[in-house]
């Protein structure tokens, strides 16, 4: 029997609500109502999966440092193998994009690409941050890009084009 606790620790489950807050903020400012509840739920699931996947990949890329400094974490302690973490992290990224695709199909044809493109860009930003940027002077900008894109993901909830003020709002959160 596989214990789920190490996986919950690996994804930093209590912190996932910070990603959901970005989606909720965006939905509130664009006035998403009852007509958008399914889309909002799907975007929330996309965001949660991408956030949790990012946490897994963070620990995947940091395994050597964690063996020295945080041996209690799931990967260095051996409670989750490096291979299992990679499969789990990959699954979460694919699930995040899949939920964004499902959210996009709640919109009329012609306005469906927004959530998909932003989710894919968010995956790129997550890997960029976790794999390379976090230990450089560009680390804060990399993390800010993840938050910026997560707010933009939420701004796609109504299917309307993102307005200039929406980009400004996402920028403020990202900064």
Protein backbone atom coordinates (compact mmCIF):
# COMPACT_ATOMS: atom_id res chain seq x y z
CA UNK A 1 0.00 0.00 0.00
CA UNK A 2 1.44 3.34 -1.08
CA UNK A 3 1.20 6.09 1.52
CA UNK A 4 -0.14 9.35 0.12
CA UNK A 5 1.42 11.46 2.87
CA UNK A 6 4.87 11.77 1.23
CA UNK A 7 3.20 12.85 -2.01
CA UNK A 8 1.10 15.45 -0.17
CA UNK A 9 4.32 16.71 1.43
CA UNK A 10 6.08 16.69 -1.94
CA UNK A 11 3.46 18.95 -3.54
CA UNK A 12 3.31 21.22 -0.44
CA UNK A 13 -0.45 20.64 -0.39
CA UNK A 14 -1.31 23.38 2.16
CA UNK A 15 0.34 25.96 -0.12
CA UNK A 16 -1.76 25.15 -3.20
CA UNK A 17 -4.34 27.69 -2.05
CA UNK A 18 -1.95 30.52 -2.97
CA UNK A 19 -2.26 29.47 -6.62
CA UNK A 20 -6.03 29.19 -6.33
CA UNK A 21 -6.12 32.71 -4.89
CA UNK A 22 -4.64 34.04 -8.15
CA UNK A 23 -7.43 32.36 -10.12
CA UNK A 24 -10.11 33.62 -7.72
CA UNK A 25 -8.73 37.18 -7.86
CA UNK A 26 -8.81 37.15 -11.64
CA UNK A 27 -12.34 35.72 -11.75
CA UNK A 28 -13.56 38.39 -9.36
CA UNK A 29 -12.09 41.29 -11.29
CA UNK A 30 -13.56 40.13 -14.61
CA UNK A 31 -16.94 39.60 -13.00
CA UNK A 32 -17.20 35.86 -13.65
CA UNK A 33 -20.64 34.80 -12.49
CA UNK A 34 -22.68 31.65 -12.23
CA UNK A 35 -22.41 31.11 -15.97
CA UNK A 36 -18.67 30.58 -15.53
CA UNK A 37 -18.57 28.24 -12.51
CA UNK A 38 -17.50 25.17 -14.49
CA UNK A 39 -14.80 27.12 -16.30
CA UNK A 40 -13.64 28.60 -13.01
CA UNK A 41 -13.45 25.15 -11.43
CA UNK A 42 -11.49 23.78 -14.39
CA UNK A 43 -9.06 26.71 -14.31
CA UNK A 44 -8.66 26.23 -10.57
CA UNK A 45 -7.84 22.56 -11.12
CA UNK A 46 -5.39 23.51 -13.88
CA UNK A 47 -3.68 26.02 -11.62
CA UNK A 48 -3.58 23.60 -8.67
CA UNK A 49 -2.08 20.83 -10.77
CA UNK A 50 0.53 23.12 -12.30
CA UNK A 51 1.45 24.54 -8.88
CA UNK A 52 1.75 21.08 -7.34
CA UNK A 53 3.71 19.86 -10.34
CA UNK A 54 6.06 22.80 -9.89
CA UNK A 55 6.64 21.80 -6.28
CA UNK A 56 7.51 18.26 -7.36
CA UNK A 57 9.92 19.48 -10.01
CA UNK A 58 11.45 21.91 -7.51
CA UNK A 59 12.40 18.99 -5.28
CA UNK A 60 13.43 16.86 -8.27
CA UNK A 61 15.93 19.49 -9.42
CA UNK A 62 17.09 20.21 -5.84
CA UNK A 63 17.61 16.60 -4.76
CA UNK A 64 21.38 16.92 -4.15
CA UNK A 65 20.99 20.10 -2.11
CA UNK A 66 18.07 18.57 -0.20
CA UNK A 67 20.13 15.48 0.62
CA UNK A 68 22.56 17.79 2.44
CA UNK A 69 20.20 20.42 3.85
CA UNK A 70 16.72 18.85 4.02
CA UNK A 71 17.14 15.07 4.28
CA UNK A 72 13.64 14.80 5.79
CA UNK A 73 11.92 15.74 2.52
CA UNK A 74 10.18 12.95 0.60
CA UNK A 75 12.80 12.40 -2.14
CA UNK A 76 16.06 12.52 -0.14
CA UNK A 77 14.49 10.46 2.66
CA UNK A 78 13.62 7.75 0.12
CA UNK A 79 9.87 7.88 0.76
CA UNK A 80 9.41 8.95 -2.89
CA UNK A 81 11.90 7.76 -5.49
CA UNK A 82 13.36 10.21 -7.98
CA UNK A 83 11.70 8.24 -10.79
CA UNK A 84 8.31 8.29 -9.05
CA UNK A 85 8.68 12.03 -8.47
CA UNK A 86 9.41 12.61 -12.16
CA UNK A 87 6.40 10.54 -13.24
CA UNK A 88 4.16 12.26 -10.68
CA UNK A 89 5.45 15.73 -11.64
CA UNK A 90 4.94 14.96 -15.32
CA UNK A 91 1.44 13.67 -14.66
CA UNK A 92 0.55 16.86 -12.77
CA UNK A 93 1.83 19.07 -15.60
CA UNK A 94 -0.14 17.10 -18.19
CA UNK A 95 -3.22 17.19 -15.94
CA UNK A 96 -2.85 20.97 -15.56
CA UNK A 97 -2.72 21.50 -19.30
CA UNK A 98 -5.62 19.06 -19.76
CA UNK A 99 -7.81 20.99 -17.33
CA UNK A 100 -6.92 24.21 -19.18
CA UNK A 101 -7.98 22.54 -22.45
CA UNK A 102 -11.29 21.50 -20.87
CA UNK A 103 -11.77 25.07 -19.61
CA UNK A 104 -11.05 26.40 -23.09
CA UNK A 105 -13.80 24.25 -24.55
CA UNK A 106 -16.30 26.01 -22.31
CA UNK A 107 -15.69 29.10 -24.49
CA UNK A 108 -17.12 29.71 -27.95
CA UNK A 109 -14.93 28.73 -30.91
CA UNK A 110 -12.44 31.45 -31.70
CA UNK A 111 -11.73 32.28 -28.05
CA UNK A 112 -10.48 28.90 -26.91
CA UNK A 113 -6.74 29.31 -27.27
CA UNK A 114 -6.17 31.63 -24.28
CA UNK A 115 -6.23 29.13 -21.41
CA UNK A 116 -4.27 26.55 -23.40
CA UNK A 117 -1.51 28.92 -24.50
CA UNK A 118 -1.18 30.41 -21.02
CA UNK A 119 -1.07 26.98 -19.35
CA UNK A 120 1.69 25.85 -21.72
CA UNK A 121 3.63 29.07 -21.08
CA UNK A 122 3.15 28.51 -17.36
CA UNK A 123 4.67 25.02 -17.66
CA UNK A 124 7.65 26.53 -19.51
CA UNK A 125 8.03 29.19 -16.79
CA UNK A 126 7.80 26.57 -14.03
CA UNK A 127 10.51 24.41 -15.59
CA UNK A 128 12.60 27.51 -16.30
CA UNK A 129 12.38 28.60 -12.70
CA UNK A 130 12.79 25.19 -11.06
CA UNK A 131 15.49 23.91 -13.37
CA UNK A 132 17.67 26.92 -13.98
CA UNK A 133 16.61 30.38 -12.85
CA UNK A 134 16.04 30.05 -9.10
CA UNK A 135 19.75 30.03 -8.28
CA UNK A 136 20.52 33.03 -10.46
CA UNK A 137 19.81 36.72 -10.34
CA UNK A 138 16.82 35.98 -12.57
CA UNK A 139 15.20 33.76 -9.92
CA UNK A 140 12.75 36.37 -8.61
CA UNK A 141 11.75 37.30 -12.18
CA UNK A 142 11.20 33.61 -12.95
CA UNK A 143 8.94 33.16 -9.95
CA UNK A 144 7.17 36.41 -10.78
CA UNK A 145 6.56 35.13 -14.31
CA UNK A 146 4.84 32.05 -12.86
CA UNK A 147 2.51 34.20 -10.76
CA UNK A 148 1.93 36.61 -13.68
CA UNK A 149 0.90 33.73 -15.94
CA UNK A 150 -1.27 32.14 -13.25
CA UNK A 151 -3.28 35.37 -12.91
CA UNK A 152 -3.56 35.56 -16.70
CA UNK A 153 -4.88 32.00 -16.66
CA UNK A 154 -7.63 33.11 -14.30
CA UNK A 155 -8.42 36.12 -16.48
CA UNK A 156 -9.44 33.76 -19.30
CA UNK A 157 -12.45 32.51 -17.30
CA UNK A 158 -15.06 34.41 -19.29
CA UNK A 159 -13.57 33.72 -22.73
CA UNK A 160 -13.21 37.44 -23.39
CA UNK A 161 -9.85 38.82 -24.53
CA UNK A 162 -7.66 39.95 -21.66
CA UNK A 163 -7.78 43.72 -21.34
CA UNK A 164 -4.70 45.90 -20.81
CA UNK A 165 -5.61 46.46 -17.16
CA UNK A 166 -5.67 42.65 -16.76
CA UNK A 167 -2.04 42.46 -17.83
CA UNK A 168 -1.26 45.24 -15.38
CA UNK A 169 -3.03 43.37 -12.57
CA UNK A 170 -1.09 40.19 -13.41
CA UNK A 171 2.13 42.20 -13.49
CA UNK A 172 1.43 43.66 -10.04
CA UNK A 173 0.87 40.17 -8.62
CA UNK A 174 3.96 38.88 -10.42
CA UNK A 175 6.13 41.65 -9.06
